[in-house]
Amino acid sequence: MLYGNPPKVLMVRKNCLVSGRFSCDLAFPGGHIKKDETYIDAALREAWEEADVFPRFVDILGVMDVHETSSQPKLRVLPVIGILKGPIDAKPKDSEVDHVIWVSLDSIREPRLVFHPIRGYVNGFMLPGNMVIWGLSYRIIIDLKQKGYIKLTTS
């Protein structure tokens, strides 16, 4: 989900107190596609379930190419690009997520070694509040910028 000018992207932090593969990771709202659901339906449902974003407040622009996690087992992700129709009060809606934040895409810089609270040192970008964008989420943001949707800012 994108909103504003300069653009900001909606990200969720997977709950740091819940053990799991993505614990304490910043990510885009998302998850598995349910039976009889399209990938767009799934993206809108996940944004609703994780960040309290009403589907009717989102205009879908399209999808990006499939991206994969670099860790095993590999997960294949089809990012759906949506623009919010207006300001919303996004917030965690269930225990899977402990933070919802808007990240200014102009603030994203080249990756460097930063400390992740669960994983230790990773190649990524540190946000205020010791939140780290790294891995697949970072690669999706860079892909958005490189494809001309958003200009890459370097430090």
N, C-alpha and C. Protein backbone atom coordinates (compact mmCIF):
# COMPACT_ATOMS: atom_id res chain seq x y z
N MET A 1 0.84 -1.17 0.00
CA MET A 1 0.00 0.00 0.00
C MET A 1 0.88 1.23 0.00
N LEU A 2 0.61 2.10 -0.93
CA LEU A 2 1.32 3.37 -1.02
C LEU A 2 0.36 4.50 -0.70
N TYR A 3 0.92 5.58 -0.14
CA TYR A 3 0.10 6.75 0.13
C TYR A 3 1.00 7.97 0.23
N GLY A 4 0.51 9.09 -0.28
CA GLY A 4 1.16 10.37 -0.07
C GLY A 4 2.16 10.76 -1.13
N ASN A 5 2.66 11.99 -0.97
CA ASN A 5 3.66 12.53 -1.86
C ASN A 5 4.62 13.37 -1.01
N PRO A 6 5.85 12.96 -0.79
CA PRO A 6 6.46 11.78 -1.38
C PRO A 6 5.82 10.50 -0.85
N PRO A 7 5.92 9.42 -1.64
CA PRO A 7 5.21 8.20 -1.28
C PRO A 7 5.74 7.53 -0.02
N LYS A 8 4.79 7.01 0.73
CA LYS A 8 5.10 6.19 1.91
C LYS A 8 4.49 4.82 1.66
N VAL A 9 5.11 3.80 2.21
CA VAL A 9 4.62 2.45 2.07
C VAL A 9 4.22 1.92 3.45
N LEU A 10 3.11 1.19 3.48
CA LEU A 10 2.61 0.59 4.72
C LEU A 10 3.39 -0.69 5.00
N MET A 11 3.95 -0.77 6.19
CA MET A 11 4.67 -1.98 6.59
C MET A 11 4.19 -2.39 7.98
N VAL A 12 4.27 -3.69 8.22
CA VAL A 12 3.91 -4.24 9.53
C VAL A 12 5.14 -4.94 10.10
N ARG A 13 5.25 -4.91 11.43
CA ARG A 13 6.30 -5.70 12.06
C ARG A 13 5.65 -6.92 12.67
N LYS A 14 6.14 -8.08 12.28
CA LYS A 14 5.65 -9.33 12.85
C LYS A 14 6.05 -9.35 14.33
N ASN A 15 5.12 -9.75 15.15
CA ASN A 15 5.26 -9.67 16.60
C ASN A 15 6.59 -10.27 17.07
N CYS A 16 7.35 -9.49 17.81
CA CYS A 16 8.65 -9.92 18.31
C CYS A 16 8.53 -10.96 19.43
N LEU A 17 7.37 -11.01 20.07
CA LEU A 17 7.18 -11.93 21.19
C LEU A 17 6.60 -13.27 20.76
N VAL A 18 6.27 -13.41 19.48
CA VAL A 18 5.72 -14.66 18.96
C VAL A 18 6.83 -15.35 18.17
N SER A 19 7.20 -16.53 18.60
CA SER A 19 8.26 -17.27 17.93
C SER A 19 7.80 -17.69 16.54
N GLY A 20 8.66 -17.49 15.55
CA GLY A 20 8.33 -17.90 14.20
C GLY A 20 9.39 -17.45 13.22
N ARG A 21 9.26 -17.90 11.99
CA ARG A 21 10.23 -17.61 10.94
C ARG A 21 10.41 -16.11 10.70
N PHE A 22 9.35 -15.33 10.86
CA PHE A 22 9.40 -13.90 10.54
C PHE A 22 9.30 -13.01 11.78
N SER A 23 9.55 -13.57 12.95
CA SER A 23 9.46 -12.81 14.19
C SER A 23 10.31 -11.55 14.14
N CYS A 24 9.68 -10.41 14.44
CA CYS A 24 10.33 -9.10 14.53
C CYS A 24 10.76 -8.55 13.17
N ASP A 25 10.31 -9.16 12.09
CA ASP A 25 10.64 -8.68 10.74
C ASP A 25 9.63 -7.64 10.29
N LEU A 26 10.13 -6.60 9.60
CA LEU A 26 9.25 -5.65 8.92
C LEU A 26 8.89 -6.25 7.57
N ALA A 27 7.62 -6.17 7.23
CA ALA A 27 7.15 -6.77 5.98
C ALA A 27 5.96 -5.97 5.48
N PHE A 28 5.56 -6.27 4.28
CA PHE A 28 4.31 -5.74 3.77
C PHE A 28 3.20 -6.65 4.27
N PRO A 29 2.00 -6.12 4.52
CA PRO A 29 0.90 -7.02 4.89
C PRO A 29 0.77 -8.10 3.81
N GLY A 30 0.60 -9.32 4.24
CA GLY A 30 0.48 -10.39 3.24
C GLY A 30 0.40 -11.75 3.89
N GLY A 31 0.13 -12.74 3.06
CA GLY A 31 0.02 -14.10 3.55
C GLY A 31 -0.44 -15.03 2.44
N HIS A 32 -0.88 -16.19 2.86
CA HIS A 32 -1.29 -17.23 1.91
C HIS A 32 -2.64 -16.91 1.27
N ILE A 33 -2.79 -17.39 0.05
CA ILE A 33 -4.06 -17.26 -0.67
C ILE A 33 -4.98 -18.39 -0.22
N LYS A 34 -6.19 -18.04 0.17
CA LYS A 34 -7.17 -19.04 0.58
C LYS A 34 -7.90 -19.61 -0.64
N LYS A 35 -8.51 -20.75 -0.45
CA LYS A 35 -9.27 -21.39 -1.53
C LYS A 35 -10.31 -20.41 -2.09
N ASP A 36 -10.44 -20.38 -3.40
CA ASP A 36 -11.40 -19.53 -4.13
C ASP A 36 -11.10 -18.04 -3.98
N GLU A 37 -9.85 -17.68 -3.68
CA GLU A 37 -9.47 -16.29 -3.50
C GLU A 37 -8.42 -15.95 -4.57
N THR A 38 -8.50 -14.75 -5.14
CA THR A 38 -7.46 -14.30 -6.06
C THR A 38 -6.31 -13.72 -5.25
N TYR A 39 -5.17 -13.49 -5.90
CA TYR A 39 -4.05 -12.89 -5.19
C TYR A 39 -4.38 -11.47 -4.75
N ILE A 40 -5.20 -10.76 -5.52
CA ILE A 40 -5.62 -9.42 -5.11
C ILE A 40 -6.56 -9.50 -3.91
N ASP A 41 -7.50 -10.44 -3.93
CA ASP A 41 -8.38 -10.65 -2.77
C ASP A 41 -7.54 -10.94 -1.52
N ALA A 42 -6.52 -11.79 -1.67
CA ALA A 42 -5.67 -12.16 -0.54
C ALA A 42 -4.92 -10.95 0.00
N ALA A 43 -4.38 -10.13 -0.90
CA ALA A 43 -3.63 -8.94 -0.48
C ALA A 43 -4.53 -7.98 0.30
N LEU A 44 -5.74 -7.76 -0.21
CA LEU A 44 -6.68 -6.86 0.48
C LEU A 44 -7.11 -7.44 1.82
N ARG A 45 -7.37 -8.74 1.87
CA ARG A 45 -7.77 -9.39 3.12
C ARG A 45 -6.64 -9.28 4.16
N GLU A 46 -5.42 -9.56 3.73
CA GLU A 46 -4.29 -9.51 4.66
C GLU A 46 -4.05 -8.09 5.19
N ALA A 47 -4.20 -7.08 4.33
CA ALA A 47 -4.06 -5.69 4.80
C ALA A 47 -5.14 -5.37 5.83
N TRP A 48 -6.32 -5.90 5.63
CA TRP A 48 -7.42 -5.72 6.60
C TRP A 48 -7.10 -6.45 7.90
N GLU A 49 -6.69 -7.72 7.79
CA GLU A 49 -6.44 -8.53 8.99
C GLU A 49 -5.24 -8.05 9.80
N GLU A 50 -4.19 -7.58 9.13
CA GLU A 50 -2.96 -7.23 9.82
C GLU A 50 -2.87 -5.75 10.21
N ALA A 51 -3.48 -4.86 9.41
CA ALA A 51 -3.25 -3.42 9.62
C ALA A 51 -4.53 -2.59 9.63
N ASP A 52 -5.69 -3.25 9.64
CA ASP A 52 -6.97 -2.55 9.74
C ASP A 52 -7.24 -1.60 8.55
N VAL A 53 -6.78 -2.01 7.36
CA VAL A 53 -7.00 -1.23 6.14
C VAL A 53 -8.23 -1.78 5.43
N PHE A 54 -9.29 -0.98 5.34
CA PHE A 54 -10.51 -1.41 4.66
C PHE A 54 -10.24 -1.57 3.17
N PRO A 55 -10.58 -2.72 2.58
CA PRO A 55 -10.33 -2.94 1.15
C PRO A 55 -10.93 -1.86 0.25
N ARG A 56 -12.07 -1.30 0.62
CA ARG A 56 -12.70 -0.30 -0.25
C ARG A 56 -11.92 1.02 -0.30
N PHE A 57 -10.94 1.19 0.59
CA PHE A 57 -10.10 2.39 0.59
C PHE A 57 -8.85 2.25 -0.28
N VAL A 58 -8.75 1.13 -1.03
CA VAL A 58 -7.54 0.84 -1.80
C VAL A 58 -7.88 0.71 -3.28
N ASP A 59 -7.13 1.42 -4.12
CA ASP A 59 -7.18 1.23 -5.57
C ASP A 59 -5.98 0.37 -5.96
N ILE A 60 -6.24 -0.76 -6.61
CA ILE A 60 -5.16 -1.65 -7.04
C ILE A 60 -4.58 -1.14 -8.35
N LEU A 61 -3.26 -0.94 -8.37
CA LEU A 61 -2.56 -0.50 -9.57
C LEU A 61 -2.11 -1.67 -10.43
N GLY A 62 -1.76 -2.76 -9.77
CA GLY A 62 -1.28 -3.93 -10.50
C GLY A 62 -0.40 -4.78 -9.60
N VAL A 63 0.37 -5.65 -10.23
CA VAL A 63 1.25 -6.54 -9.49
C VAL A 63 2.68 -6.42 -10.03
N MET A 64 3.62 -6.78 -9.20
CA MET A 64 5.03 -6.82 -9.60
C MET A 64 5.36 -8.24 -10.05
N ASP A 65 6.60 -8.46 -10.43
CA ASP A 65 7.06 -9.80 -10.73
C ASP A 65 7.13 -10.60 -9.43
N VAL A 66 7.11 -11.93 -9.55
CA VAL A 66 7.24 -12.80 -8.39
C VAL A 66 8.63 -12.62 -7.78
N HIS A 67 8.67 -12.54 -6.46
CA HIS A 67 9.92 -12.46 -5.71
C HIS A 67 10.00 -13.70 -4.82
N GLU A 68 11.24 -14.12 -4.47
CA GLU A 68 11.44 -15.27 -3.60
C GLU A 68 12.29 -14.90 -2.40
N THR A 69 12.01 -15.56 -1.28
CA THR A 69 12.90 -15.43 -0.13
C THR A 69 14.21 -16.11 -0.47
N SER A 70 15.30 -15.68 0.14
CA SER A 70 16.58 -16.33 -0.10
C SER A 70 16.82 -17.47 0.88
N SER A 71 16.05 -17.52 1.96
CA SER A 71 16.20 -18.58 2.95
C SER A 71 15.34 -19.78 2.58
N GLN A 72 15.68 -20.91 3.17
CA GLN A 72 14.93 -22.14 2.93
C GLN A 72 13.91 -22.34 4.04
N PRO A 73 12.75 -22.91 3.83
CA PRO A 73 12.24 -23.19 2.48
C PRO A 73 11.87 -21.89 1.79
N LYS A 74 12.08 -21.85 0.49
CA LYS A 74 11.79 -20.64 -0.29
C LYS A 74 10.29 -20.37 -0.32
N LEU A 75 9.96 -19.10 -0.18
CA LEU A 75 8.57 -18.66 -0.34
C LEU A 75 8.51 -17.78 -1.57
N ARG A 76 7.50 -17.99 -2.39
CA ARG A 76 7.29 -17.15 -3.57
C ARG A 76 6.21 -16.13 -3.23
N VAL A 77 6.50 -14.85 -3.55
CA VAL A 77 5.62 -13.75 -3.20
C VAL A 77 5.29 -12.96 -4.47
N LEU A 78 4.01 -12.66 -4.65
CA LEU A 78 3.57 -11.82 -5.76
C LEU A 78 3.09 -10.50 -5.17
N PRO A 79 3.95 -9.46 -5.15
CA PRO A 79 3.55 -8.18 -4.55
C PRO A 79 2.43 -7.50 -5.35
N VAL A 80 1.41 -7.09 -4.63
CA VAL A 80 0.28 -6.35 -5.22
C VAL A 80 0.47 -4.88 -4.84
N ILE A 81 0.40 -4.00 -5.83
CA ILE A 81 0.60 -2.57 -5.59
C ILE A 81 -0.76 -1.89 -5.48
N GLY A 82 -1.00 -1.26 -4.34
CA GLY A 82 -2.24 -0.54 -4.11
C GLY A 82 -1.97 0.87 -3.63
N ILE A 83 -2.85 1.78 -4.00
CA ILE A 83 -2.77 3.18 -3.56
C ILE A 83 -3.98 3.45 -2.67
N LEU A 84 -3.73 4.02 -1.50
CA LEU A 84 -4.85 4.38 -0.62
C LEU A 84 -5.57 5.59 -1.18
N LYS A 85 -6.88 5.59 -1.06
CA LYS A 85 -7.71 6.69 -1.57
C LYS A 85 -7.66 7.91 -0.67
N GLY A 86 -7.18 7.75 0.54
CA GLY A 86 -7.12 8.85 1.49
C GLY A 86 -6.42 8.40 2.75
N PRO A 87 -6.24 9.31 3.71
CA PRO A 87 -5.56 8.94 4.95
C PRO A 87 -6.38 7.93 5.75
N ILE A 88 -5.68 7.04 6.42
CA ILE A 88 -6.33 6.04 7.27
C ILE A 88 -5.55 5.94 8.58
N ASP A 89 -6.18 5.33 9.56
CA ASP A 89 -5.54 5.08 10.85
C ASP A 89 -5.16 3.60 10.91
N ALA A 90 -4.11 3.24 10.18
CA ALA A 90 -3.67 1.85 10.18
C ALA A 90 -3.10 1.51 11.55
N LYS A 91 -3.43 0.30 12.02
CA LYS A 91 -2.95 -0.14 13.33
C LYS A 91 -2.98 -1.66 13.37
N PRO A 92 -2.18 -2.27 14.27
CA PRO A 92 -2.22 -3.73 14.38
C PRO A 92 -3.62 -4.19 14.73
N LYS A 93 -4.05 -5.25 14.05
CA LYS A 93 -5.40 -5.74 14.28
C LYS A 93 -5.43 -7.10 14.95
N ASP A 94 -4.33 -7.84 14.90
CA ASP A 94 -4.29 -9.12 15.60
C ASP A 94 -2.91 -9.33 16.20
N SER A 95 -2.73 -10.41 16.96
CA SER A 95 -1.49 -10.63 17.70
C SER A 95 -0.31 -10.99 16.81
N GLU A 96 -0.54 -11.25 15.54
CA GLU A 96 0.54 -11.57 14.60
C GLU A 96 1.45 -10.35 14.36
N VAL A 97 0.89 -9.16 14.53
CA VAL A 97 1.59 -7.91 14.23
C VAL A 97 1.67 -7.06 15.50
N ASP A 98 2.88 -6.50 15.78
CA ASP A 98 2.97 -5.62 16.95
C ASP A 98 3.16 -4.15 16.59
N HIS A 99 3.49 -3.83 15.34
CA HIS A 99 3.60 -2.43 14.89
C HIS A 99 3.14 -2.31 13.45
N VAL A 100 2.51 -1.18 13.15
CA VAL A 100 2.19 -0.80 11.78
C VAL A 100 2.81 0.58 11.57
N ILE A 101 3.59 0.72 10.52
CA ILE A 101 4.27 1.99 10.28
C ILE A 101 4.17 2.39 8.81
N TRP A 102 4.28 3.67 8.58
CA TRP A 102 4.39 4.23 7.23
C TRP A 102 5.85 4.60 7.03
N VAL A 103 6.47 4.03 6.02
CA VAL A 103 7.88 4.28 5.74
C VAL A 103 7.99 5.14 4.49
N SER A 104 8.62 6.30 4.63
CA SER A 104 8.85 7.16 3.48
C SER A 104 9.87 6.48 2.57
N LEU A 105 9.47 6.24 1.34
CA LEU A 105 10.37 5.55 0.43
C LEU A 105 11.58 6.41 0.06
N ASP A 106 11.45 7.72 0.20
CA ASP A 106 12.60 8.59 -0.03
C ASP A 106 13.67 8.40 1.04
N SER A 107 13.29 7.83 2.19
CA SER A 107 14.26 7.65 3.28
C SER A 107 15.08 6.37 3.14
N ILE A 108 14.68 5.47 2.28
CA ILE A 108 15.38 4.18 2.15
C ILE A 108 16.70 4.39 1.43
N ARG A 109 17.76 3.94 2.05
CA ARG A 109 19.12 4.09 1.52
C ARG A 109 19.68 2.72 1.12
N GLU A 110 20.91 2.77 0.63
CA GLU A 110 21.60 1.52 0.30
C GLU A 110 21.78 0.70 1.59
N PRO A 111 21.75 -0.62 1.46
CA PRO A 111 21.85 -1.46 2.66
C PRO A 111 23.26 -1.41 3.27
N ARG A 112 23.29 -1.68 4.56
CA ARG A 112 24.56 -1.82 5.27
C ARG A 112 24.31 -2.79 6.42
N LEU A 113 25.35 -3.16 7.10
CA LEU A 113 25.23 -4.09 8.20
C LEU A 113 24.55 -3.40 9.38
N VAL A 114 23.38 -3.90 9.78
CA VAL A 114 22.62 -3.34 10.89
C VAL A 114 22.20 -4.46 11.83
N PHE A 115 21.87 -4.11 13.07
CA PHE A 115 21.51 -5.13 14.06
C PHE A 115 20.00 -5.34 14.10
N HIS A 116 19.58 -6.57 13.83
CA HIS A 116 18.18 -6.99 13.92
C HIS A 116 17.99 -7.63 15.30
N PRO A 117 16.91 -7.29 16.03
CA PRO A 117 16.76 -7.76 17.41
C PRO A 117 16.64 -9.28 17.57
N ILE A 118 16.28 -10.00 16.54
CA ILE A 118 16.17 -11.46 16.62
C ILE A 118 17.30 -12.14 15.86
N ARG A 119 17.65 -11.63 14.70
CA ARG A 119 18.58 -12.31 13.79
C ARG A 119 20.04 -11.92 13.97
N GLY A 120 20.30 -10.89 14.76
CA GLY A 120 21.67 -10.39 14.85
C GLY A 120 21.95 -9.45 13.68
N TYR A 121 23.17 -9.45 13.18
CA TYR A 121 23.53 -8.52 12.11
C TYR A 121 23.05 -9.03 10.76
N VAL A 122 22.38 -8.13 10.03
CA VAL A 122 21.88 -8.43 8.68
C VAL A 122 22.22 -7.25 7.77
N ASN A 123 22.22 -7.49 6.49
CA ASN A 123 22.41 -6.43 5.51
C ASN A 123 21.05 -5.80 5.25
N GLY A 124 20.86 -4.56 5.71
CA GLY A 124 19.55 -3.93 5.58
C GLY A 124 19.61 -2.45 5.86
N PHE A 125 18.47 -1.90 6.28
CA PHE A 125 18.35 -0.47 6.54
C PHE A 125 17.62 -0.29 7.86
N MET A 126 18.22 0.50 8.76
CA MET A 126 17.65 0.73 10.09
C MET A 126 16.71 1.93 10.07
N LEU A 127 15.52 1.73 10.61
CA LEU A 127 14.54 2.80 10.77
C LEU A 127 14.53 3.25 12.23
N PRO A 128 13.96 4.42 12.53
CA PRO A 128 13.81 4.81 13.93
C PRO A 128 13.06 3.73 14.71
N GLY A 129 13.38 3.60 15.98
CA GLY A 129 12.74 2.59 16.80
C GLY A 129 13.39 1.22 16.66
N ASN A 130 14.60 1.19 16.11
CA ASN A 130 15.35 -0.06 15.91
C ASN A 130 14.59 -1.08 15.07
N MET A 131 13.84 -0.60 14.10
CA MET A 131 13.17 -1.50 13.16
C MET A 131 14.02 -1.59 11.90
N VAL A 132 14.14 -2.81 11.38
CA VAL A 132 15.05 -3.08 10.27
C VAL A 132 14.27 -3.56 9.05
N ILE A 133 14.53 -2.90 7.91
CA ILE A 133 14.04 -3.42 6.63
C ILE A 133 15.20 -4.18 6.02
N TRP A 134 14.96 -5.44 5.70
CA TRP A 134 16.03 -6.26 5.15
C TRP A 134 15.41 -7.37 4.31
N GLY A 135 16.22 -8.18 3.70
CA GLY A 135 15.75 -9.37 2.99
C GLY A 135 14.76 -9.05 1.89
N LEU A 136 13.72 -9.87 1.82
CA LEU A 136 12.74 -9.76 0.74
C LEU A 136 12.04 -8.41 0.73
N SER A 137 11.66 -7.89 1.87
CA SER A 137 10.99 -6.59 1.92
C SER A 137 11.87 -5.50 1.34
N TYR A 138 13.15 -5.52 1.68
CA TYR A 138 14.09 -4.54 1.15
C TYR A 138 14.21 -4.70 -0.37
N ARG A 139 14.33 -5.94 -0.84
CA ARG A 139 14.48 -6.18 -2.29
C ARG A 139 13.24 -5.73 -3.06
N ILE A 140 12.06 -5.90 -2.49
CA ILE A 140 10.83 -5.44 -3.16
C ILE A 140 10.83 -3.92 -3.27
N ILE A 141 11.22 -3.22 -2.21
CA ILE A 141 11.28 -1.76 -2.26
C ILE A 141 12.28 -1.30 -3.33
N ILE A 142 13.44 -1.91 -3.36
CA ILE A 142 14.45 -1.54 -4.37
C ILE A 142 13.92 -1.83 -5.77
N ASP A 143 13.23 -2.94 -5.95
CA ASP A 143 12.67 -3.26 -7.26
C ASP A 143 11.65 -2.21 -7.68
N LEU A 144 10.81 -1.77 -6.75
CA LEU A 144 9.86 -0.69 -7.04
C LEU A 144 10.59 0.55 -7.54
N LYS A 145 11.65 0.90 -6.85
CA LYS A 145 12.41 2.09 -7.22
C LYS A 145 13.11 1.92 -8.57
N GLN A 146 13.72 0.77 -8.80
CA GLN A 146 14.46 0.54 -10.04
C GLN A 146 13.56 0.47 -11.26
N LYS A 147 12.34 0.06 -11.06
CA LYS A 147 11.41 -0.02 -12.19
C LYS A 147 10.79 1.33 -12.51
N GLY A 148 11.21 2.36 -11.77
CA GLY A 148 10.74 3.70 -12.09
C GLY A 148 9.51 4.15 -11.33
N TYR A 149 8.96 3.27 -10.47
CA TYR A 149 7.82 3.70 -9.66
C TYR A 149 8.26 4.77 -8.67
N ILE A 150 9.44 4.56 -8.11
CA ILE A 150 9.94 5.43 -7.05
C ILE A 150 11.43 5.62 -7.26
N LYS A 151 11.90 6.83 -7.14
CA LYS A 151 13.32 7.12 -7.33
C LYS A 151 14.13 6.61 -6.15
N LEU A 152 15.20 5.89 -6.45
CA LEU A 152 16.10 5.40 -5.40
C LEU A 152 16.91 6.55 -4.84
N THR A 153 16.93 6.66 -3.52
CA THR A 153 17.72 7.68 -2.84
C THR A 153 18.98 7.03 -2.30
N THR A 154 20.12 7.60 -2.55
CA THR A 154 21.36 7.05 -2.02
C THR A 154 22.00 8.06 -1.08
N SER A 155 22.76 7.53 -0.14
CA SER A 155 23.42 8.43 0.83
C SER A 155 24.85 8.68 0.43
